Amino acid sequence: MNFYVMTLFPEMITSGLNVSIIGKAMEKGTIGIDAVNIRDFSDNKHNHVDDYPYGGGAGMVMQAEPVYRAYNHIKEKINKDKKTRVVYMTPQGKVFNQEMAKELAKEEDIIFLCGHYEGIDERVLEEIVTDNVSIGDYVLTGGEMPAMIMIDAISRLVPSVLHNDESAEFESFEDNLLEYPQYTRPVIWKNKKVPDVLLSGHHLNIEKWRREQSIKRTFERRPDLLLEAVKNFSKKDNIYLEKLKNNE
């Protein structure tokens, strides 16, 4: 899987992702990350890519042409005629979540567009962008960090990126539930003991405990997720949820 990032600060992308699991996946060739500097496609001798906004107002706006040239440069690398998702990082977009990560993980190539200043000329956005995406209801100085967050989340779903491919199946937000609590050695730490069921070796009981803990944690911390989660609940799940609601 290949990620292409159109940015004014390519070093942010390369230095931010060239470590840990994502860095190792890049070394193995499981994923590829290409940070393309939009300034390289400026027709200005000083490599400026911004100008004053028409109609007045504070700040500057990124020009359409350098962004479009950078996009065409990437398309030449991929396949000019191949349809490619272009994700524009914007607080006006649909909020990124695990389901979107799963959907995007099916793509072979994804292009990310990172804005700066007061934004990007609307005309080039209309021309190339397929997905407007936000990572939350707040404003950052640029799109690089949101793009890196998305690349990290998507990459973890690409086969062979994680050391244990089962890991991604049992984490928070799978089935719209938060992950159950995790424990490791020692058995007792600061007078707190690992739950007995996890020491029992009884796999069915452990599975039942983990499922109930996921439901409980979601109920307590993210009740908004339960609206979707209950659609896939078993009869036992619903009985346990009712007990939680009744403080039983």
Protein backbone atom coordinates (compact mmCIF):
# COMPACT_ATOMS: atom_id res chain seq x y z
CA MET A 1 0.00 0.00 0.00
CA ASN A 2 1.34 3.43 -0.93
CA PHE A 3 0.64 6.78 0.73
CA TYR A 4 1.44 10.04 -1.07
CA VAL A 5 1.35 13.24 0.97
CA MET A 6 1.19 16.65 -0.69
CA THR A 7 2.66 19.04 1.86
CA LEU A 8 4.70 22.20 2.43
CA PHE A 9 6.71 20.39 5.11
CA PRO A 10 7.73 16.93 3.84
CA GLU A 11 10.25 16.52 6.66
CA MET A 12 7.37 16.41 9.15
CA ILE A 13 5.91 13.40 7.37
CA THR A 14 9.14 11.48 6.84
CA SER A 15 10.54 12.07 10.33
CA GLY A 16 7.20 11.48 12.03
CA LEU A 17 6.46 8.13 10.38
CA ASN A 18 9.94 6.68 9.94
CA VAL A 19 9.91 5.05 13.40
CA SER A 20 8.32 2.19 15.34
CA ILE A 21 5.92 -0.21 13.58
CA ILE A 22 5.23 2.07 10.62
CA GLY A 23 8.96 2.64 10.07
CA LYS A 24 9.61 -1.11 10.10
CA ALA A 25 6.77 -1.67 7.62
CA MET A 26 8.36 0.91 5.33
CA GLU A 27 11.73 -0.87 5.60
CA LYS A 28 10.10 -4.17 4.65
CA GLY A 29 8.28 -2.56 1.73
CA THR A 30 4.85 -3.47 3.12
CA ILE A 31 3.84 0.17 2.85
CA GLY A 32 5.36 3.11 1.00
CA ILE A 33 5.24 6.77 2.02
CA ASP A 34 6.17 9.55 -0.38
CA ALA A 35 6.07 13.13 0.91
CA VAL A 36 5.79 15.49 -2.06
CA ASN A 37 6.79 19.11 -1.51
CA ILE A 38 4.19 21.41 -3.08
CA ARG A 39 6.76 24.22 -3.19
CA ASP A 40 8.70 22.24 -5.82
CA PHE A 41 5.86 22.91 -8.23
CA SER A 42 5.68 26.67 -7.77
CA ASP A 43 6.23 28.90 -10.82
CA ASN A 44 7.61 31.60 -8.51
CA LYS A 45 11.39 31.98 -8.29
CA HIS A 46 11.10 32.18 -4.49
CA ASN A 47 8.93 29.02 -4.44
CA HIS A 48 5.99 30.89 -2.95
CA VAL A 49 2.73 28.96 -3.17
CA ASP A 50 0.37 31.39 -1.42
CA ASP A 51 -1.27 34.73 -2.16
CA TYR A 52 -3.78 37.18 -0.70
CA PRO A 53 -7.43 36.06 -0.68
CA TYR A 54 -9.84 37.64 -3.13
CA GLY A 55 -12.46 39.64 -1.24
CA GLY A 56 -10.00 40.55 1.50
CA GLY A 57 -9.60 39.04 4.91
CA ALA A 58 -6.81 37.89 7.19
CA GLY A 59 -4.04 35.54 6.18
CA MET A 60 -2.99 33.94 2.92
CA VAL A 61 -4.44 31.20 0.70
CA MET A 62 -2.54 28.39 -1.02
CA GLN A 63 -2.72 28.71 -4.80
CA ALA A 64 -4.41 26.14 -7.02
CA GLU A 65 -1.70 25.62 -9.65
CA PRO A 66 1.18 24.31 -7.48
CA VAL A 67 -1.19 21.90 -5.76
CA TYR A 68 -2.52 20.70 -9.11
CA ARG A 69 0.99 20.20 -10.49
CA ALA A 70 2.00 18.21 -7.41
CA TYR A 71 -1.11 16.07 -7.83
CA ASN A 72 -0.34 15.37 -11.50
CA HIS A 73 3.24 14.48 -10.57
CA ILE A 74 1.92 11.83 -8.18
CA LYS A 75 -0.64 10.56 -10.69
CA GLU A 76 2.16 10.00 -13.21
CA LYS A 77 3.86 7.78 -10.65
CA ILE A 78 0.74 5.76 -9.89
CA ASN A 79 -1.11 5.55 -13.18
CA LYS A 80 -2.56 8.61 -14.84
CA ASP A 81 -5.81 6.85 -15.73
CA LYS A 82 -6.31 5.02 -12.42
CA LYS A 83 -8.90 6.44 -10.03
CA THR A 84 -7.17 7.37 -6.78
CA ARG A 85 -8.65 8.60 -3.50
CA VAL A 86 -7.47 12.11 -2.62
CA VAL A 87 -8.03 12.94 1.05
CA TYR A 88 -8.04 16.62 2.02
CA MET A 89 -7.41 17.19 5.72
CA THR A 90 -9.94 19.81 6.82
CA PRO A 91 -12.01 20.54 9.98
CA GLN A 92 -14.99 20.78 7.61
CA GLY A 93 -14.73 17.11 6.65
CA LYS A 94 -16.29 13.91 7.87
CA VAL A 95 -14.76 12.84 11.19
CA PHE A 96 -12.24 10.01 10.82
CA ASN A 97 -13.01 6.77 12.64
CA GLN A 98 -12.10 3.08 12.62
CA GLU A 99 -14.69 2.19 9.99
CA MET A 100 -13.21 4.78 7.63
CA ALA A 101 -9.74 3.38 8.36
CA LYS A 102 -10.95 -0.09 7.35
CA GLU A 103 -12.47 1.26 4.15
CA LEU A 104 -9.34 3.16 3.15
CA ALA A 105 -7.11 0.20 4.01
CA LYS A 106 -8.58 -1.58 0.96
CA GLU A 107 -7.01 0.97 -1.39
CA GLU A 108 -3.68 0.38 -3.10
CA ASP A 109 -2.80 4.08 -3.23
CA ILE A 110 -4.05 7.09 -1.27
CA ILE A 111 -3.10 10.73 -1.78
CA PHE A 112 -3.29 13.13 1.19
CA LEU A 113 -3.48 16.88 0.73
CA CYS A 114 -2.28 19.00 3.67
CA GLY A 115 -3.36 22.62 3.76
CA HIS A 116 -1.86 25.61 5.55
CA TYR A 117 -2.57 29.30 6.08
CA GLU A 118 -6.26 30.12 5.61
CA GLY A 119 -6.78 27.14 3.33
CA ILE A 120 -6.44 26.19 -0.35
CA ASP A 121 -8.03 27.74 -3.42
CA GLU A 122 -11.44 26.07 -3.67
CA ARG A 123 -11.10 25.43 -7.39
CA VAL A 124 -8.33 22.85 -7.07
CA LEU A 125 -10.18 21.17 -4.20
CA GLU A 126 -13.19 20.76 -6.49
CA GLU A 127 -10.92 19.41 -9.21
CA ILE A 128 -9.01 16.68 -7.34
CA VAL A 129 -10.37 15.94 -3.84
CA THR A 130 -12.53 12.84 -3.33
CA ASP A 131 -12.73 12.84 0.49
CA ASN A 132 -12.85 15.73 2.99
CA VAL A 133 -11.76 14.35 6.35
CA SER A 134 -11.33 15.78 9.86
CA ILE A 135 -9.73 14.16 12.91
CA GLY A 136 -11.86 16.21 15.31
CA ASP A 137 -13.66 19.45 15.99
CA TYR A 138 -10.65 21.69 16.47
CA VAL A 139 -8.25 23.61 14.24
CA LEU A 140 -4.55 22.85 13.76
CA THR A 141 -1.82 24.82 12.00
CA GLY A 142 -1.69 22.36 9.11
CA GLY A 143 -2.81 19.01 7.78
CA GLU A 144 0.41 17.06 8.35
CA MET A 145 -0.35 15.70 11.81
CA PRO A 146 -3.91 14.65 10.87
CA ALA A 147 -2.50 12.92 7.76
CA MET A 148 0.07 11.06 9.88
CA ILE A 149 -2.64 9.97 12.31
CA MET A 150 -4.71 8.59 9.46
CA ILE A 151 -1.73 6.86 7.85
CA ASP A 152 -0.85 5.22 11.17
CA ALA A 153 -4.41 3.98 11.74
CA ILE A 154 -4.82 2.72 8.16
CA SER A 155 -1.39 1.08 8.01
CA ARG A 156 -2.12 -1.06 11.06
CA LEU A 157 -4.90 -2.72 9.08
CA VAL A 158 -2.63 -3.65 6.17
CA PRO A 159 -1.64 -7.35 6.38
CA SER A 160 1.83 -8.02 7.84
CA VAL A 161 2.28 -4.51 9.25
CA LEU A 162 1.56 -5.65 12.81
CA HIS A 163 3.68 -8.45 14.24
CA ASN A 164 0.49 -10.22 15.29
CA ASP A 165 -2.21 -9.82 12.65
CA GLU A 166 -4.86 -10.67 15.26
CA SER A 167 -4.01 -7.50 17.20
CA ALA A 168 -6.08 -5.22 14.98
CA GLU A 169 -9.14 -7.46 15.39
CA PHE A 170 -9.45 -7.05 19.14
CA GLU A 171 -8.70 -3.40 19.77
CA SER A 172 -10.82 -0.44 20.72
CA PHE A 173 -13.61 0.47 18.28
CA GLU A 174 -13.91 -3.02 16.80
CA ASP A 175 -17.68 -3.64 16.80
CA ASN A 176 -17.93 -0.09 18.23
CA LEU A 177 -16.69 -1.30 21.62
CA LEU A 178 -13.66 -0.18 23.62
CA GLU A 179 -10.98 -2.74 24.32
CA TYR A 180 -11.04 -4.74 27.56
CA PRO A 181 -8.38 -4.04 30.27
CA GLN A 182 -4.95 -5.61 29.75
CA TYR A 183 -2.54 -7.02 32.38
CA THR A 184 0.95 -8.50 32.47
CA ARG A 185 3.51 -9.59 35.08
CA PRO A 186 3.79 -9.36 38.02
CA VAL A 187 0.54 -10.88 39.31
CA ILE A 188 0.43 -8.40 42.20
CA TRP A 189 1.53 -4.77 41.86
CA LYS A 190 0.95 -2.16 44.62
CA ASN A 191 -1.47 -4.61 46.27
CA LYS A 192 -3.52 -4.83 43.06
CA LYS A 193 -3.97 -8.35 41.72
CA VAL A 194 -4.57 -9.47 38.15
CA PRO A 195 -8.21 -10.71 37.87
CA ASP A 196 -8.38 -14.41 38.76
CA VAL A 197 -10.17 -15.32 35.56
CA LEU A 198 -7.12 -14.30 33.49
CA LEU A 199 -4.95 -16.66 35.55
CA SER A 200 -7.39 -19.57 35.28
CA GLY A 201 -6.41 -20.81 31.82
CA HIS A 202 -10.14 -21.30 31.10
CA HIS A 203 -10.40 -19.76 27.64
CA LEU A 204 -14.20 -19.59 27.46
CA ASN A 205 -14.42 -17.81 30.79
CA ILE A 206 -11.63 -15.44 29.76
CA GLU A 207 -13.42 -14.66 26.49
CA LYS A 208 -16.68 -14.02 28.38
CA TRP A 209 -14.91 -11.74 30.91
CA ARG A 210 -13.21 -9.75 28.15
CA ARG A 211 -16.44 -9.29 26.24
CA GLU A 212 -18.25 -8.07 29.34
CA GLN A 213 -15.38 -5.73 30.24
CA SER A 214 -15.49 -4.22 26.74
CA ILE A 215 -19.22 -3.58 27.09
CA LYS A 216 -18.79 -2.17 30.60
CA ARG A 217 -15.92 0.12 29.61
CA THR A 218 -17.84 1.41 26.60
CA PHE A 219 -20.96 1.96 28.72
CA GLU A 220 -18.94 3.96 31.26
CA ARG A 221 -16.61 5.91 28.97
CA ARG A 222 -18.19 6.13 25.52
CA PRO A 223 -21.94 5.43 25.79
CA ASP A 224 -22.39 7.15 22.41
CA LEU A 225 -20.72 4.14 20.74
CA LEU A 226 -23.33 1.75 22.11
CA LEU A 227 -25.96 3.05 19.69
CA GLU A 228 -24.13 1.19 16.91
CA ALA A 229 -22.59 -1.57 19.03
CA VAL A 230 -25.94 -2.98 20.21
CA LYS A 231 -26.86 -3.80 16.62
CA ASN A 232 -24.40 -6.69 16.79
CA PHE A 233 -25.11 -7.73 20.38
CA SER A 234 -25.99 -11.29 21.30
CA LYS A 235 -28.74 -12.11 23.79
CA LYS A 236 -26.09 -12.49 26.52
CA ASP A 237 -24.60 -9.10 25.63
CA ASN A 238 -27.98 -7.42 25.95
CA ILE A 239 -28.65 -9.10 29.31
CA TYR A 240 -25.29 -7.90 30.62
CA LEU A 241 -25.90 -4.37 29.34
CA GLU A 242 -29.26 -4.25 31.12
CA LYS A 243 -27.54 -5.26 34.35
CA LEU A 244 -25.12 -2.38 33.93
CA LYS A 245 -27.96 0.05 33.34
CA ASN A 246 -29.70 -1.20 36.48
CA ASN A 247 -26.47 -1.05 38.52
CA GLU A 248 -26.69 -4.76 39.24
